[in-house]
Amino acid sequence: MDLMRLLRSLEEFLYELVGWLVFYPRTFWRILWHPGAIARYTRLELEQPQERQFTETISPVLMLVLSVVIAHGLEMALKLPLPAIDSPIGKLLFGSEQGLLLTRSAVFSIFALGAALGTLSQQRQPITRDTLREPFSIQSFLVCPFVVLFAAGEQLTRIAETRTAGVVVIVVAMVWYVLARAIAYRTLNHAGWLKSVALVLRSFLLTQLVLLVVFALVLM
């Protein structure tokens, strides 16, 4: 019985893994080119029973985790060294492959969380598990291309021959992310471009500031 249960679990895992190979690029492409449509799709999917949600894509949080893993895989493929940080906490966060992967997952999750909290604040909604779920799911989708592009750009800047190209990729990633969030906000709230971009920029810059302060305190 235990062997059969193990085989069934293995079968389910392999099927899920193969599914990722199909659905990850499809979902990534939809987010990259149609951020407004993916925001609307997420809202509609969350209205479905849980077992019927996101059957055409990968779920938002898993999509975010897989994007961080892919970004980390690019770094490993380029054989780049781990960040050299001398502080004890810095070594814990960045001194190993596992620590670096978890740290990056947390950092980019904070981008999604900050954007979701900004949305609730703008809509003057209370912060509860129910109200947070939709904006966080939407922002988890939207941050995925930003994760991959930003990480690729940062890695290119650590190679002398591709430093300029890396800076360009980072700038493109940031511009795309701001525009994608603005498009998604306009789609769901029927707001104007100026208001949408202003709200997104304020939230984006505030999140970056918070992260910079946290890392400055942690790595001292």
Protein backbone atom coordinates (compact mmCIF):
# COMPACT_ATOMS: atom_id res chain seq x y z
CA MET A 1 0.00 0.00 0.00
CA ASP A 2 2.79 2.39 0.89
CA LEU A 3 4.54 1.61 -2.40
CA MET A 4 1.37 2.25 -4.39
CA ARG A 5 0.79 5.51 -2.55
CA LEU A 6 4.38 6.53 -3.28
CA LEU A 7 4.00 5.69 -6.97
CA ARG A 8 0.78 7.67 -7.21
CA SER A 9 2.46 10.65 -5.55
CA LEU A 10 5.36 10.33 -7.97
CA GLU A 11 2.93 10.15 -10.88
CA GLU A 12 1.15 13.30 -9.74
CA PHE A 13 4.46 15.12 -9.24
CA LEU A 14 5.76 14.17 -12.69
CA TYR A 15 2.50 15.20 -14.31
CA GLU A 16 2.64 18.53 -12.48
CA LEU A 17 6.27 19.01 -13.52
CA VAL A 18 5.47 18.33 -17.18
CA GLY A 19 2.54 20.71 -16.86
CA TRP A 20 4.90 23.47 -15.72
CA LEU A 21 6.91 23.04 -18.92
CA VAL A 22 3.76 23.75 -20.92
CA PHE A 23 1.94 26.29 -18.79
CA TYR A 24 4.85 28.40 -17.49
CA PRO A 25 5.89 29.85 -20.89
CA ARG A 26 2.24 30.28 -21.89
CA THR A 27 1.45 32.15 -18.68
CA PHE A 28 4.66 34.20 -18.88
CA TRP A 29 3.82 35.26 -22.43
CA ARG A 30 0.29 36.31 -21.45
CA ILE A 31 1.58 38.38 -18.56
CA LEU A 32 4.31 39.99 -20.65
CA TRP A 33 2.08 41.11 -23.52
CA HIS A 34 -1.36 41.38 -21.92
CA PRO A 35 -1.03 42.53 -18.27
CA GLY A 36 -4.50 44.05 -18.27
CA ALA A 37 -6.07 40.85 -19.55
CA ILE A 38 -4.19 38.71 -17.02
CA ALA A 39 -5.43 40.99 -14.21
CA ARG A 40 -9.02 40.58 -15.39
CA TYR A 41 -8.50 36.84 -15.79
CA THR A 42 -7.19 36.56 -12.23
CA ARG A 43 -10.21 38.35 -10.83
CA LEU A 44 -12.58 36.03 -12.70
CA GLU A 45 -10.66 32.91 -11.69
CA LEU A 46 -10.79 33.79 -8.00
CA GLU A 47 -14.58 33.82 -8.26
CA GLN A 48 -14.52 30.13 -9.24
CA PRO A 49 -14.44 27.21 -6.76
CA GLN A 50 -10.89 26.59 -5.63
CA GLU A 51 -10.50 23.29 -7.48
CA ARG A 52 -11.40 25.00 -10.78
CA GLN A 53 -9.13 28.02 -10.46
CA PHE A 54 -6.25 28.72 -12.88
CA THR A 55 -6.74 25.57 -14.95
CA GLU A 56 -5.33 27.35 -18.03
CA THR A 57 -2.28 28.79 -16.26
CA ILE A 58 -0.02 28.26 -13.28
CA SER A 59 -1.35 29.70 -10.02
CA PRO A 60 0.02 33.20 -9.26
CA VAL A 61 2.19 32.44 -6.22
CA LEU A 62 3.64 29.28 -7.77
CA MET A 63 4.33 31.27 -10.94
CA LEU A 64 6.29 33.77 -8.86
CA VAL A 65 8.30 31.04 -7.12
CA LEU A 66 9.11 29.36 -10.43
CA SER A 67 10.23 32.71 -11.88
CA VAL A 68 12.66 33.18 -8.99
CA VAL A 69 13.95 29.63 -9.51
CA ILE A 70 14.48 30.30 -13.23
CA ALA A 71 16.29 33.55 -12.48
CA HIS A 72 18.52 31.67 -10.05
CA GLY A 73 19.08 28.97 -12.65
CA LEU A 74 20.35 31.61 -15.10
CA GLU A 75 22.87 32.72 -12.51
CA MET A 76 24.05 29.16 -12.00
CA ALA A 77 24.31 28.64 -15.77
CA LEU A 78 26.53 31.73 -16.03
CA LYS A 79 28.62 30.36 -13.12
CA LEU A 80 28.54 33.66 -11.29
CA PRO A 81 29.89 33.71 -7.71
CA LEU A 82 27.62 34.29 -4.74
CA PRO A 83 27.53 37.85 -3.37
CA ALA A 84 30.45 38.45 -1.00
CA ILE A 85 28.95 39.92 2.19
CA ASP A 86 30.86 39.84 5.47
CA SER A 87 28.09 40.45 8.00
CA PRO A 88 26.67 37.37 9.80
CA ILE A 89 23.14 38.01 8.60
CA GLY A 90 24.42 38.76 5.11
CA LYS A 91 26.18 35.41 5.01
CA LEU A 92 22.99 33.71 6.18
CA LEU A 93 20.90 35.40 3.48
CA PHE A 94 23.36 35.35 0.59
CA GLY A 95 26.11 32.90 1.55
CA SER A 96 24.51 29.77 0.11
CA GLU A 97 22.43 28.80 -2.91
CA GLN A 98 19.45 27.97 -0.68
CA GLY A 99 19.71 31.20 1.30
CA LEU A 100 20.02 33.31 -1.85
CA LEU A 101 17.01 31.60 -3.42
CA LEU A 102 14.85 32.13 -0.33
CA THR A 103 15.99 35.73 0.02
CA ARG A 104 15.11 36.54 -3.57
CA SER A 105 11.73 34.85 -3.22
CA ALA A 106 11.01 37.00 -0.17
CA VAL A 107 12.19 40.22 -1.83
CA PHE A 108 10.09 39.84 -4.96
CA SER A 109 7.12 38.70 -2.87
CA ILE A 110 7.44 42.01 -1.03
CA PHE A 111 7.07 43.83 -4.36
CA ALA A 112 3.81 41.96 -4.95
CA LEU A 113 2.67 42.53 -1.36
CA GLY A 114 3.51 46.24 -1.43
CA ALA A 115 1.57 46.70 -4.65
CA ALA A 116 -1.40 44.76 -3.24
CA LEU A 117 -1.44 46.84 -0.06
CA GLY A 118 -1.23 50.00 -2.14
CA THR A 119 -4.27 48.87 -4.12
CA LEU A 120 -6.30 48.24 -0.97
CA SER A 121 -5.24 51.58 0.45
CA GLN A 122 -6.28 53.41 -2.72
CA GLN A 123 -9.64 51.62 -2.71
CA ARG A 124 -10.01 52.26 1.04
CA GLN A 125 -10.66 48.62 1.76
CA PRO A 126 -9.76 46.92 5.06
CA ILE A 127 -6.78 44.57 4.96
CA THR A 128 -8.07 41.06 5.54
CA ARG A 129 -7.21 37.65 4.14
CA ASP A 130 -10.17 37.90 1.78
CA THR A 131 -9.54 41.42 0.49
CA LEU A 132 -5.77 40.87 0.12
CA ARG A 133 -6.05 37.71 -1.93
CA GLU A 134 -7.14 39.23 -5.25
CA PRO A 135 -4.63 42.11 -5.49
CA PHE A 136 -1.80 39.93 -4.22
CA SER A 137 -2.59 37.24 -6.80
CA ILE A 138 -2.68 39.82 -9.59
CA GLN A 139 0.59 41.39 -8.47
CA SER A 140 2.24 37.98 -8.12
CA PHE A 141 1.53 37.42 -11.81
CA LEU A 142 2.72 40.88 -12.85
CA VAL A 143 6.02 40.67 -10.96
CA CYS A 144 7.10 37.46 -12.77
CA PRO A 145 8.56 39.03 -15.95
CA PHE A 146 10.16 41.71 -13.77
CA VAL A 147 11.85 38.98 -11.71
CA VAL A 148 13.34 37.23 -14.74
CA LEU A 149 14.34 40.38 -16.65
CA PHE A 150 15.74 42.22 -13.63
CA ALA A 151 17.71 39.19 -12.48
CA ALA A 152 19.09 38.61 -15.99
CA GLY A 153 20.12 42.25 -16.23
CA GLU A 154 21.75 42.24 -12.80
CA GLN A 155 23.70 39.12 -13.73
CA LEU A 156 24.88 40.66 -17.00
CA THR A 157 26.18 43.72 -15.15
CA ARG A 158 28.51 41.42 -13.20
CA ILE A 159 30.27 40.44 -16.44
CA ALA A 160 32.57 43.14 -17.83
CA GLU A 161 31.78 42.45 -21.49
CA THR A 162 28.00 42.68 -21.01
CA ARG A 163 27.74 45.36 -18.32
CA THR A 164 26.08 47.95 -20.57
CA ALA A 165 23.60 45.41 -21.91
CA GLY A 166 22.77 44.44 -18.32
CA VAL A 167 21.95 48.04 -17.40
CA VAL A 168 19.67 48.30 -20.44
CA VAL A 169 17.85 45.10 -19.47
CA ILE A 170 17.35 46.37 -15.90
CA VAL A 171 15.91 49.66 -17.15
CA VAL A 172 13.60 47.82 -19.56
CA ALA A 173 12.46 45.53 -16.73
CA MET A 174 11.60 48.47 -14.47
CA VAL A 175 9.80 50.42 -17.19
CA TRP A 176 7.81 47.36 -18.24
CA TYR A 177 6.85 46.60 -14.63
CA VAL A 178 5.57 50.10 -13.95
CA LEU A 179 3.62 50.20 -17.22
CA ALA A 180 2.20 46.69 -16.69
CA ARG A 181 0.95 47.60 -13.23
CA ALA A 182 -0.55 50.84 -14.55
CA ILE A 183 -2.31 48.96 -17.37
CA ALA A 184 -3.68 46.41 -14.91
CA TYR A 185 -4.89 49.14 -12.56
CA ARG A 186 -6.61 50.99 -15.44
CA THR A 187 -8.25 47.79 -16.64
CA LEU A 188 -9.75 46.92 -13.27
CA ASN A 189 -10.57 50.41 -12.01
CA HIS A 190 -11.28 52.39 -15.22
CA ALA A 191 -8.79 55.06 -14.15
CA GLY A 192 -6.88 57.50 -16.34
CA TRP A 193 -3.27 57.01 -17.41
CA LEU A 194 -1.89 59.83 -15.26
CA LYS A 195 -3.54 58.61 -12.07
CA SER A 196 -2.59 54.99 -12.74
CA VAL A 197 1.08 55.70 -13.46
CA ALA A 198 1.35 58.08 -10.50
CA LEU A 199 -0.10 55.54 -8.07
CA VAL A 200 2.12 52.75 -9.39
CA LEU A 201 5.27 54.86 -9.29
CA ARG A 202 4.56 55.94 -5.72
CA SER A 203 4.03 52.35 -4.58
CA PHE A 204 7.01 51.06 -6.54
CA LEU A 205 9.41 53.68 -5.19
CA LEU A 206 8.12 53.24 -1.64
CA THR A 207 8.66 49.48 -1.84
CA GLN A 208 12.22 50.01 -3.12
CA LEU A 209 12.91 52.48 -0.33
CA VAL A 210 11.66 50.06 2.32
CA LEU A 211 13.80 47.26 0.90
CA LEU A 212 16.89 49.46 0.76
CA VAL A 213 16.44 50.53 4.38
CA VAL A 214 15.88 46.93 5.52
CA PHE A 215 18.94 45.64 3.68
CA ALA A 216 21.06 48.55 4.92
CA LEU A 217 20.11 47.72 8.52
CA VAL A 218 20.52 43.96 8.04
CA LEU A 219 23.87 44.10 6.30
CA MET A 220 25.54 46.61 8.61
